Amino acid sequence: MRQGSDMWQLKAACRGPQAAVFFPPSHAERKEEKASRELRAKGICDQCHVRGECLDYAIRIREPHGIWGGMNEVERKLMLDRRAS
């Protein structure tokens, strides 16, 4: 179990069986399937009380995959790029 500042994960709305929508499947996914999956995941993020902590964590560790804090990997990279410039 995580300790310290990562305790927010215990309160995350994405915990449980729906967690699969936050990451790409092991098989190839069509563009519209990806968009639909990400929209479902972001909808869960919208209701999450620890969304900010989640996004901060993903940015801090430079998480390269999945939806974290309501943003996908491309959106997080753009955010980091904007902060750097």
PDB file of N, CA and C in Angstrom:
ATOM      1  N   MET A   1       0.837  -1.183   0.000  1.00  0.00           N
ATOM      2  CA  MET A   1       0.000   0.000   0.000  1.00  0.00           C
ATOM      3  C   MET A   1       0.881   1.244   0.000  1.00  0.00           C
ATOM      4  N   ARG A   2       0.434   2.251  -0.691  1.00  0.00           N
ATOM      5  CA  ARG A   2       1.166   3.508  -0.756  1.00  0.00           C
ATOM      6  C   ARG A   2       1.013   4.258   0.557  1.00  0.00           C
ATOM      7  N   GLN A   3       2.017   5.047   0.846  1.00  0.00           N
ATOM      8  CA  GLN A   3       1.978   5.834   2.069  1.00  0.00           C
ATOM      9  C   GLN A   3       2.152   7.301   1.745  1.00  0.00           C
ATOM     10  N   GLY A   4       1.949   8.134   2.747  1.00  0.00           N
ATOM     11  CA  GLY A   4       2.214   9.562   2.603  1.00  0.00           C
ATOM     12  C   GLY A   4       1.279  10.250   1.644  1.00  0.00           C
ATOM     13  N   SER A   5       1.854  11.027   0.742  1.00  0.00           N
ATOM     14  CA  SER A   5       1.072  11.895  -0.122  1.00  0.00           C
ATOM     15  C   SER A   5       0.264  11.156  -1.185  1.00  0.00           C
ATOM     16  N   ASP A   6       0.467   9.860  -1.330  1.00  0.00           N
ATOM     17  CA  ASP A   6      -0.286   9.107  -2.334  1.00  0.00           C
ATOM     18  C   ASP A   6      -1.550   8.456  -1.767  1.00  0.00           C
ATOM     19  N   MET A   7      -1.914   8.795  -0.542  1.00  0.00           N
ATOM     20  CA  MET A   7      -3.121   8.234   0.074  1.00  0.00           C
ATOM     21  C   MET A   7      -4.393   8.650  -0.669  1.00  0.00           C
ATOM     22  N   TRP A   8      -4.304   9.695  -1.472  1.00  0.00           N
ATOM     23  CA  TRP A   8      -5.449  10.138  -2.259  1.00  0.00           C
ATOM     24  C   TRP A   8      -5.971   9.007  -3.138  1.00  0.00           C
ATOM     25  N   GLN A   9      -5.091   8.097  -3.530  1.00  0.00           N
ATOM     26  CA  GLN A   9      -5.479   7.009  -4.433  1.00  0.00           C
ATOM     27  C   GLN A   9      -6.587   6.138  -3.841  1.00  0.00           C
ATOM     28  N   LEU A  10      -6.631   6.050  -2.523  1.00  0.00           N
ATOM     29  CA  LEU A  10      -7.680   5.255  -1.877  1.00  0.00           C
ATOM     30  C   LEU A  10      -9.057   5.876  -2.064  1.00  0.00           C
ATOM     31  N   LYS A  11      -9.114   7.167  -2.355  1.00  0.00           N
ATOM     32  CA  LYS A  11     -10.376   7.883  -2.526  1.00  0.00           C
ATOM     33  C   LYS A  11     -10.744   8.088  -3.988  1.00  0.00           C
ATOM     34  N   ALA A  12      -9.922   7.603  -4.902  1.00  0.00           N
ATOM     35  CA  ALA A  12     -10.124   7.841  -6.331  1.00  0.00           C
ATOM     36  C   ALA A  12     -11.387   7.158  -6.862  1.00  0.00           C
ATOM     37  N   ALA A  13     -12.144   7.875  -7.661  1.00  0.00           N
ATOM     38  CA  ALA A  13     -13.376   7.357  -8.251  1.00  0.00           C
ATOM     39  C   ALA A  13     -13.102   6.239  -9.259  1.00  0.00           C
ATOM     40  N   CYS A  14     -11.870   6.144  -9.747  1.00  0.00           N
ATOM     41  CA  CYS A  14     -11.538   5.152 -10.773  1.00  0.00           C
ATOM     42  C   CYS A  14     -11.219   3.776 -10.192  1.00  0.00           C
ATOM     43  N   ARG A  15     -11.163   3.663  -8.882  1.00  0.00           N
ATOM     44  CA  ARG A  15     -10.867   2.366  -8.267  1.00  0.00           C
ATOM     45  C   ARG A  15     -11.994   1.377  -8.567  1.00  0.00           C
ATOM     46  N   GLY A  16     -11.640   0.141  -8.812  1.00  0.00           N
ATOM     47  CA  GLY A  16     -12.655  -0.877  -9.050  1.00  0.00           C
ATOM     48  C   GLY A  16     -12.683  -1.339 -10.493  1.00  0.00           C
ATOM     49  N   PRO A  17     -13.759  -2.033 -10.855  1.00  0.00           N
ATOM     50  CA  PRO A  17     -13.833  -2.661 -12.185  1.00  0.00           C
ATOM     51  C   PRO A  17     -13.807  -1.678 -13.345  1.00  0.00           C
ATOM     52  N   GLN A  18     -14.240  -0.441 -13.153  1.00  0.00           N
ATOM     53  CA  GLN A  18     -14.249   0.539 -14.240  1.00  0.00           C
ATOM     54  C   GLN A  18     -12.851   1.054 -14.558  1.00  0.00           C
ATOM     55  N   ALA A  19     -11.856   0.682 -13.786  1.00  0.00           N
ATOM     56  CA  ALA A  19     -10.487   1.166 -13.994  1.00  0.00           C
ATOM     57  C   ALA A  19      -9.954   0.829 -15.388  1.00  0.00           C
ATOM     58  N   ALA A  20     -10.472  -0.190 -16.019  1.00  0.00           N
ATOM     59  CA  ALA A  20      -9.994  -0.612 -17.339  1.00  0.00           C
ATOM     60  C   ALA A  20     -10.157   0.479 -18.396  1.00  0.00           C
ATOM     61  N   VAL A  21     -11.140   1.358 -18.257  1.00  0.00           N
ATOM     62  CA  VAL A  21     -11.352   2.391 -19.279  1.00  0.00           C
ATOM     63  C   VAL A  21     -10.285   3.479 -19.236  1.00  0.00           C
ATOM     64  N   PHE A  22      -9.458   3.495 -18.214  1.00  0.00           N
ATOM     65  CA  PHE A  22      -8.448   4.540 -18.076  1.00  0.00           C
ATOM     66  C   PHE A  22      -7.167   4.251 -18.850  1.00  0.00           C
ATOM     67  N   PHE A  23      -7.042   3.030 -19.351  1.00  0.00           N
ATOM     68  CA  PHE A  23      -5.840   2.633 -20.077  1.00  0.00           C
ATOM     69  C   PHE A  23      -6.226   1.906 -21.354  1.00  0.00           C
ATOM     70  N   PRO A  24      -5.386   2.006 -22.392  1.00  0.00           N
ATOM     71  CA  PRO A  24      -5.703   1.314 -23.649  1.00  0.00           C
ATOM     72  C   PRO A  24      -5.720  -0.198 -23.459  1.00  0.00           C
ATOM     73  N   PRO A  25      -6.547  -0.881 -24.232  1.00  0.00           N
ATOM     74  CA  PRO A  25      -6.585  -2.348 -24.152  1.00  0.00           C
ATOM     75  C   PRO A  25      -5.311  -2.956 -24.743  1.00  0.00           C
ATOM     76  N   SER A  26      -5.113  -4.235 -24.515  1.00  0.00           N
ATOM     77  CA  SER A  26      -3.921  -4.916 -25.029  1.00  0.00           C
ATOM     78  C   SER A  26      -3.991  -5.122 -26.540  1.00  0.00           C
ATOM     79  N   HIS A  27      -5.184  -5.041 -27.117  1.00  0.00           N
ATOM     80  CA  HIS A  27      -5.341  -5.164 -28.571  1.00  0.00           C
ATOM     81  C   HIS A  27      -5.429  -3.772 -29.200  1.00  0.00           C
ATOM     82  N   ALA A  28      -5.261  -3.732 -30.506  1.00  0.00           N
ATOM     83  CA  ALA A  28      -5.356  -2.450 -31.228  1.00  0.00           C
ATOM     84  C   ALA A  28      -6.759  -1.876 -31.058  1.00  0.00           C
ATOM     85  N   GLU A  29      -6.823  -0.572 -30.940  1.00  0.00           N
ATOM     86  CA  GLU A  29      -8.082   0.118 -30.694  1.00  0.00           C
ATOM     87  C   GLU A  29      -8.285   1.160 -31.792  1.00  0.00           C
ATOM     88  N   ARG A  30      -9.468   1.148 -32.395  1.00  0.00           N
ATOM     89  CA  ARG A  30      -9.770   2.135 -33.424  1.00  0.00           C
ATOM     90  C   ARG A  30      -9.897   3.522 -32.806  1.00  0.00           C
ATOM     91  N   LYS A  31      -9.707   4.531 -33.621  1.00  0.00           N
ATOM     92  CA  LYS A  31      -9.732   5.917 -33.150  1.00  0.00           C
ATOM     93  C   LYS A  31     -11.032   6.241 -32.417  1.00  0.00           C
ATOM     94  N   GLU A  32     -12.165   5.833 -32.967  1.00  0.00           N
ATOM     95  CA  GLU A  32     -13.448   6.131 -32.327  1.00  0.00           C
ATOM     96  C   GLU A  32     -13.640   5.338 -31.032  1.00  0.00           C
ATOM     97  N   GLU A  33     -13.073   4.126 -30.960  1.00  0.00           N
ATOM     98  CA  GLU A  33     -13.121   3.348 -29.717  1.00  0.00           C
ATOM     99  C   GLU A  33     -12.303   4.030 -28.623  1.00  0.00           C
ATOM    100  N   LYS A  34     -11.133   4.532 -29.009  1.00  0.00           N
ATOM    101  CA  LYS A  34     -10.283   5.243 -28.051  1.00  0.00           C
ATOM    102  C   LYS A  34     -10.993   6.497 -27.545  1.00  0.00           C
ATOM    103  N   ALA A  35     -11.581   7.248 -28.454  1.00  0.00           N
ATOM    104  CA  ALA A  35     -12.285   8.472 -28.069  1.00  0.00           C
ATOM    105  C   ALA A  35     -13.429   8.163 -27.106  1.00  0.00           C
ATOM    106  N   SER A  36     -14.173   7.115 -27.370  1.00  0.00           N
ATOM    107  CA  SER A  36     -15.292   6.720 -26.515  1.00  0.00           C
ATOM    108  C   SER A  36     -14.796   6.273 -25.132  1.00  0.00           C
ATOM    109  N   ARG A  37     -13.738   5.468 -25.113  1.00  0.00           N
ATOM    110  CA  ARG A  37     -13.177   4.981 -23.850  1.00  0.00           C
ATOM    111  C   ARG A  37     -12.667   6.152 -23.017  1.00  0.00           C
ATOM    112  N   GLU A  38     -11.934   7.070 -23.663  1.00  0.00           N
ATOM    113  CA  GLU A  38     -11.403   8.220 -22.938  1.00  0.00           C
ATOM    114  C   GLU A  38     -12.519   9.126 -22.420  1.00  0.00           C
ATOM    115  N   LEU A  39     -13.586   9.273 -23.182  1.00  0.00           N
ATOM    116  CA  LEU A  39     -14.722  10.081 -22.745  1.00  0.00           C
ATOM    117  C   LEU A  39     -15.365   9.469 -21.498  1.00  0.00           C
ATOM    118  N   ARG A  40     -15.511   8.146 -21.480  1.00  0.00           N
ATOM    119  CA  ARG A  40     -16.056   7.459 -20.293  1.00  0.00           C
ATOM    120  C   ARG A  40     -15.144   7.679 -19.084  1.00  0.00           C
ATOM    121  N   ALA A  41     -13.842   7.537 -19.284  1.00  0.00           N
ATOM    122  CA  ALA A  41     -12.887   7.721 -18.193  1.00  0.00           C
ATOM    123  C   ALA A  41     -12.929   9.157 -17.675  1.00  0.00           C
ATOM    124  N   LYS A  42     -12.940  10.117 -18.573  1.00  0.00           N
ATOM    125  CA  LYS A  42     -12.967  11.520 -18.165  1.00  0.00           C
ATOM    126  C   LYS A  42     -14.267  11.859 -17.437  1.00  0.00           C
ATOM    127  N   GLY A  43     -15.361  11.186 -17.788  1.00  0.00           N
ATOM    128  CA  GLY A  43     -16.625  11.368 -17.066  1.00  0.00           C
ATOM    129  C   GLY A  43     -16.512  10.918 -15.622  1.00  0.00           C
ATOM    130  N   ILE A  44     -15.787   9.837 -15.389  1.00  0.00           N
ATOM    131  CA  ILE A  44     -15.537   9.371 -14.020  1.00  0.00           C
ATOM    132  C   ILE A  44     -14.658  10.387 -13.297  1.00  0.00           C
ATOM    133  N   CYS A  45     -13.643  10.894 -13.976  1.00  0.00           N
ATOM    134  CA  CYS A  45     -12.765  11.917 -13.385  1.00  0.00           C
ATOM    135  C   CYS A  45     -13.556  13.157 -12.978  1.00  0.00           C
ATOM    136  N   ASP A  46     -14.537  13.533 -13.784  1.00  0.00           N
ATOM    137  CA  ASP A  46     -15.333  14.728 -13.498  1.00  0.00           C
ATOM    138  C   ASP A  46     -16.027  14.640 -12.144  1.00  0.00           C
ATOM    139  N   GLN A  47     -16.325  13.419 -11.697  1.00  0.00           N
ATOM    140  CA  GLN A  47     -17.029  13.206 -10.431  1.00  0.00           C
ATOM    141  C   GLN A  47     -16.076  12.917  -9.266  1.00  0.00           C
ATOM    142  N   CYS A  48     -14.781  12.922  -9.518  1.00  0.00           N
ATOM    143  CA  CYS A  48     -13.796  12.476  -8.532  1.00  0.00           C
ATOM    144  C   CYS A  48     -13.347  13.623  -7.617  1.00  0.00           C
ATOM    145  N   HIS A  49     -13.308  13.345  -6.327  1.00  0.00           N
ATOM    146  CA  HIS A  49     -12.912  14.345  -5.331  1.00  0.00           C
ATOM    147  C   HIS A  49     -11.403  14.543  -5.251  1.00  0.00           C
ATOM    148  N   VAL A  50     -10.629  13.633  -5.840  1.00  0.00           N
ATOM    149  CA  VAL A  50      -9.166  13.746  -5.769  1.00  0.00           C
ATOM    150  C   VAL A  50      -8.546  13.936  -7.154  1.00  0.00           C
ATOM    151  N   ARG A  51      -9.324  14.486  -8.054  1.00  0.00           N
ATOM    152  CA  ARG A  51      -8.875  14.686  -9.434  1.00  0.00           C
ATOM    153  C   ARG A  51      -7.592  15.518  -9.509  1.00  0.00           C
ATOM    154  N   GLY A  52      -7.515  16.585  -8.757  1.00  0.00           N
ATOM    155  CA  GLY A  52      -6.332  17.447  -8.770  1.00  0.00           C
ATOM    156  C   GLY A  52      -5.087  16.725  -8.300  1.00  0.00           C
ATOM    157  N   GLU A  53      -5.217  15.961  -7.217  1.00  0.00           N
ATOM    158  CA  GLU A  53      -4.080  15.196  -6.703  1.00  0.00           C
ATOM    159  C   GLU A  53      -3.621  14.160  -7.718  1.00  0.00           C
ATOM    160  N   CYS A  54      -4.578  13.554  -8.401  1.00  0.00           N
ATOM    161  CA  CYS A  54      -4.281  12.544  -9.419  1.00  0.00           C
ATOM    162  C   CYS A  54      -3.489  13.159 -10.577  1.00  0.00           C
ATOM    163  N   LEU A  55      -3.959  14.295 -11.067  1.00  0.00           N
ATOM    164  CA  LEU A  55      -3.274  14.964 -12.171  1.00  0.00           C
ATOM    165  C   LEU A  55      -1.877  15.400 -11.742  1.00  0.00           C
ATOM    166  N   ASP A  56      -1.759  15.961 -10.550  1.00  0.00           N
ATOM    167  CA  ASP A  56      -0.451  16.377 -10.043  1.00  0.00           C
ATOM    168  C   ASP A  56       0.512  15.200  -9.989  1.00  0.00           C
ATOM    169  N   TYR A  57       0.013  14.058  -9.525  1.00  0.00           N
ATOM    170  CA  TYR A  57       0.831  12.843  -9.432  1.00  0.00           C
ATOM    171  C   TYR A  57       1.310  12.407 -10.813  1.00  0.00           C
ATOM    172  N   ALA A  58       0.392  12.336 -11.773  1.00  0.00           N
ATOM    173  CA  ALA A  58       0.741  11.890 -13.122  1.00  0.00           C
ATOM    174  C   ALA A  58       1.775  12.809 -13.765  1.00  0.00           C
ATOM    175  N   ILE A  59       1.635  14.089 -13.535  1.00  0.00           N
ATOM    176  CA  ILE A  59       2.597  15.046 -14.089  1.00  0.00           C
ATOM    177  C   ILE A  59       3.939  14.920 -13.380  1.00  0.00           C
ATOM    178  N   ARG A  60       3.889  14.762 -12.058  1.00  0.00           N
ATOM    179  CA  ARG A  60       5.131  14.658 -11.285  1.00  0.00           C
ATOM    180  C   ARG A  60       5.966  13.450 -11.711  1.00  0.00           C
ATOM    181  N   ILE A  61       5.288  12.315 -11.940  1.00  0.00           N
ATOM    182  CA  ILE A  61       6.045  11.105 -12.328  1.00  0.00           C
ATOM    183  C   ILE A  61       6.160  10.952 -13.841  1.00  0.00           C
ATOM    184  N   ARG A  62       5.584  11.923 -14.569  1.00  0.00           N
ATOM    185  CA  ARG A  62       5.589  11.887 -16.033  1.00  0.00           C
ATOM    186  C   ARG A  62       4.996  10.570 -16.572  1.00  0.00           C
ATOM    187  N   GLU A  63       3.818  10.256 -16.061  1.00  0.00           N
ATOM    188  CA  GLU A  63       3.101   9.034 -16.451  1.00  0.00           C
ATOM    189  C   GLU A  63       2.838   9.061 -17.960  1.00  0.00           C
ATOM    190  N   PRO A  64       3.355   8.062 -18.707  1.00  0.00           N
ATOM    191  CA  PRO A  64       3.223   8.093 -20.168  1.00  0.00           C
ATOM    192  C   PRO A  64       1.945   7.463 -20.724  1.00  0.00           C
ATOM    193  N   HIS A  65       1.107   6.888 -19.870  1.00  0.00           N
ATOM    194  CA  HIS A  65      -0.065   6.165 -20.376  1.00  0.00           C
ATOM    195  C   HIS A  65      -1.316   6.492 -19.570  1.00  0.00           C
ATOM    196  N   GLY A  66      -2.445   6.419 -20.243  1.00  0.00           N
ATOM    197  CA  GLY A  66      -3.734   6.456 -19.573  1.00  0.00           C
ATOM    198  C   GLY A  66      -4.277   7.835 -19.243  1.00  0.00           C
ATOM    199  N   ILE A  67      -5.485   7.809 -18.691  1.00  0.00           N
ATOM    200  CA  ILE A  67      -6.188   9.008 -18.248  1.00  0.00           C
ATOM    201  C   ILE A  67      -5.886   9.181 -16.757  1.00  0.00           C
ATOM    202  N   TRP A  68      -5.379  10.343 -16.415  1.00  0.00           N
ATOM    203  CA  TRP A  68      -5.072  10.685 -15.018  1.00  0.00           C
ATOM    204  C   TRP A  68      -5.579  12.096 -14.782  1.00  0.00           C
ATOM    205  N   GLY A  69      -6.370  12.294 -13.755  1.00  0.00           N
ATOM    206  CA  GLY A  69      -6.855  13.634 -13.451  1.00  0.00           C
ATOM    207  C   GLY A  69      -7.654  14.256 -14.576  1.00  0.00           C
ATOM    208  N   GLY A  70      -8.282  13.432 -15.382  1.00  0.00           N
ATOM    209  CA  GLY A  70      -9.116  13.930 -16.472  1.00  0.00           C
ATOM    210  C   GLY A  70      -8.370  14.287 -17.743  1.00  0.00           C
ATOM    211  N   MET A  71      -7.086  13.926 -17.814  1.00  0.00           N
ATOM    212  CA  MET A  71      -6.301  14.240 -19.018  1.00  0.00           C
ATOM    213  C   MET A  71      -5.603  13.001 -19.551  1.00  0.00           C
ATOM    214  N   ASN A  72      -5.527  12.899 -20.871  1.00  0.00           N
ATOM    215  CA  ASN A  72      -4.786  11.789 -21.467  1.00  0.00           C
ATOM    216  C   ASN A  72      -3.311  12.165 -21.590  1.00  0.00           C
ATOM    217  N   GLU A  73      -2.517  11.246 -22.083  1.00  0.00           N
ATOM    218  CA  GLU A  73      -1.067  11.469 -22.149  1.00  0.00           C
ATOM    219  C   GLU A  73      -0.682  12.656 -23.036  1.00  0.00           C
ATOM    220  N   VAL A  74      -1.405  12.856 -24.130  1.00  0.00           N
ATOM    221  CA  VAL A  74      -1.116  13.976 -25.033  1.00  0.00           C
ATOM    222  C   VAL A  74      -1.447  15.298 -24.341  1.00  0.00           C
ATOM    223  N   GLU A  75      -2.582  15.358 -23.674  1.00  0.00           N
ATOM    224  CA  GLU A  75      -2.978  16.575 -22.964  1.00  0.00           C
ATOM    225  C   GLU A  75      -2.002  16.916 -21.836  1.00  0.00           C
ATOM    226  N   ARG A  76      -1.539  15.887 -21.121  1.00  0.00           N
ATOM    227  CA  ARG A  76      -0.561  16.129 -20.048  1.00  0.00           C
ATOM    228  C   ARG A  76       0.762  16.618 -20.616  1.00  0.00           C
ATOM    229  N   LYS A  77       1.179  16.052 -21.746  1.00  0.00           N
ATOM    230  CA  LYS A  77       2.433  16.489 -22.362  1.00  0.00           C
ATOM    231  C   LYS A  77       2.331  17.940 -22.814  1.00  0.00           C
ATOM    232  N   LEU A  78       1.202  18.314 -23.400  1.00  0.00           N
ATOM    233  CA  LEU A  78       0.997  19.700 -23.805  1.00  0.00           C
ATOM    234  C   LEU A  78       1.046  20.642 -22.608  1.00  0.00           C
ATOM    235  N   MET A  79       0.471  20.201 -21.494  1.00  0.00           N
ATOM    236  CA  MET A  79       0.498  21.009 -20.274  1.00  0.00           C
ATOM    237  C   MET A  79       1.938  21.196 -19.795  1.00  0.00           C
ATOM    238  N   LEU A  80       2.720  20.134 -19.803  1.00  0.00           N
ATOM    239  CA  LEU A  80       4.121  20.228 -19.398  1.00  0.00           C
ATOM    240  C   LEU A  80       4.909  21.126 -20.339  1.00  0.00           C
ATOM    241  N   ASP A  81       4.651  20.997 -21.628  1.00  0.00           N
ATOM    242  CA  ASP A  81       5.342  21.838 -22.618  1.00  0.00           C
ATOM    243  C   ASP A  81       5.018  23.318 -22.408  1.00  0.00           C
ATOM    244  N   ARG A  82       3.757  23.623 -22.111  1.00  0.00           N
ATOM    245  CA  ARG A  82       3.367  25.010 -21.871  1.00  0.00           C
ATOM    246  C   ARG A  82       4.034  25.551 -20.614  1.00  0.00           C
ATOM    247  N   ARG A  83       4.142  24.719 -19.580  1.00  0.00           N
ATOM    248  CA  ARG A  83       4.794  25.141 -18.339  1.00  0.00           C
ATOM    249  C   ARG A  83       6.286  25.413 -18.568  1.00  0.00           C
ATOM    250  N   ALA A  84       6.893  24.632 -19.456  1.00  0.00           N
ATOM    251  CA  ALA A  84       8.332  24.752 -19.710  1.00  0.00           C
ATOM    252  C   ALA A  84       8.679  26.003 -20.540  1.00  0.00           C
ATOM    253  N   SER A  85       7.707  26.492 -21.306  1.00  0.00           N
ATOM    254  CA  SER A  85       8.014  27.640 -22.176  1.00  0.00           C
ATOM    255  C   SER A  85       7.685  28.965 -21.552  1.00  0.00           C
TER     256      SER A  85
END
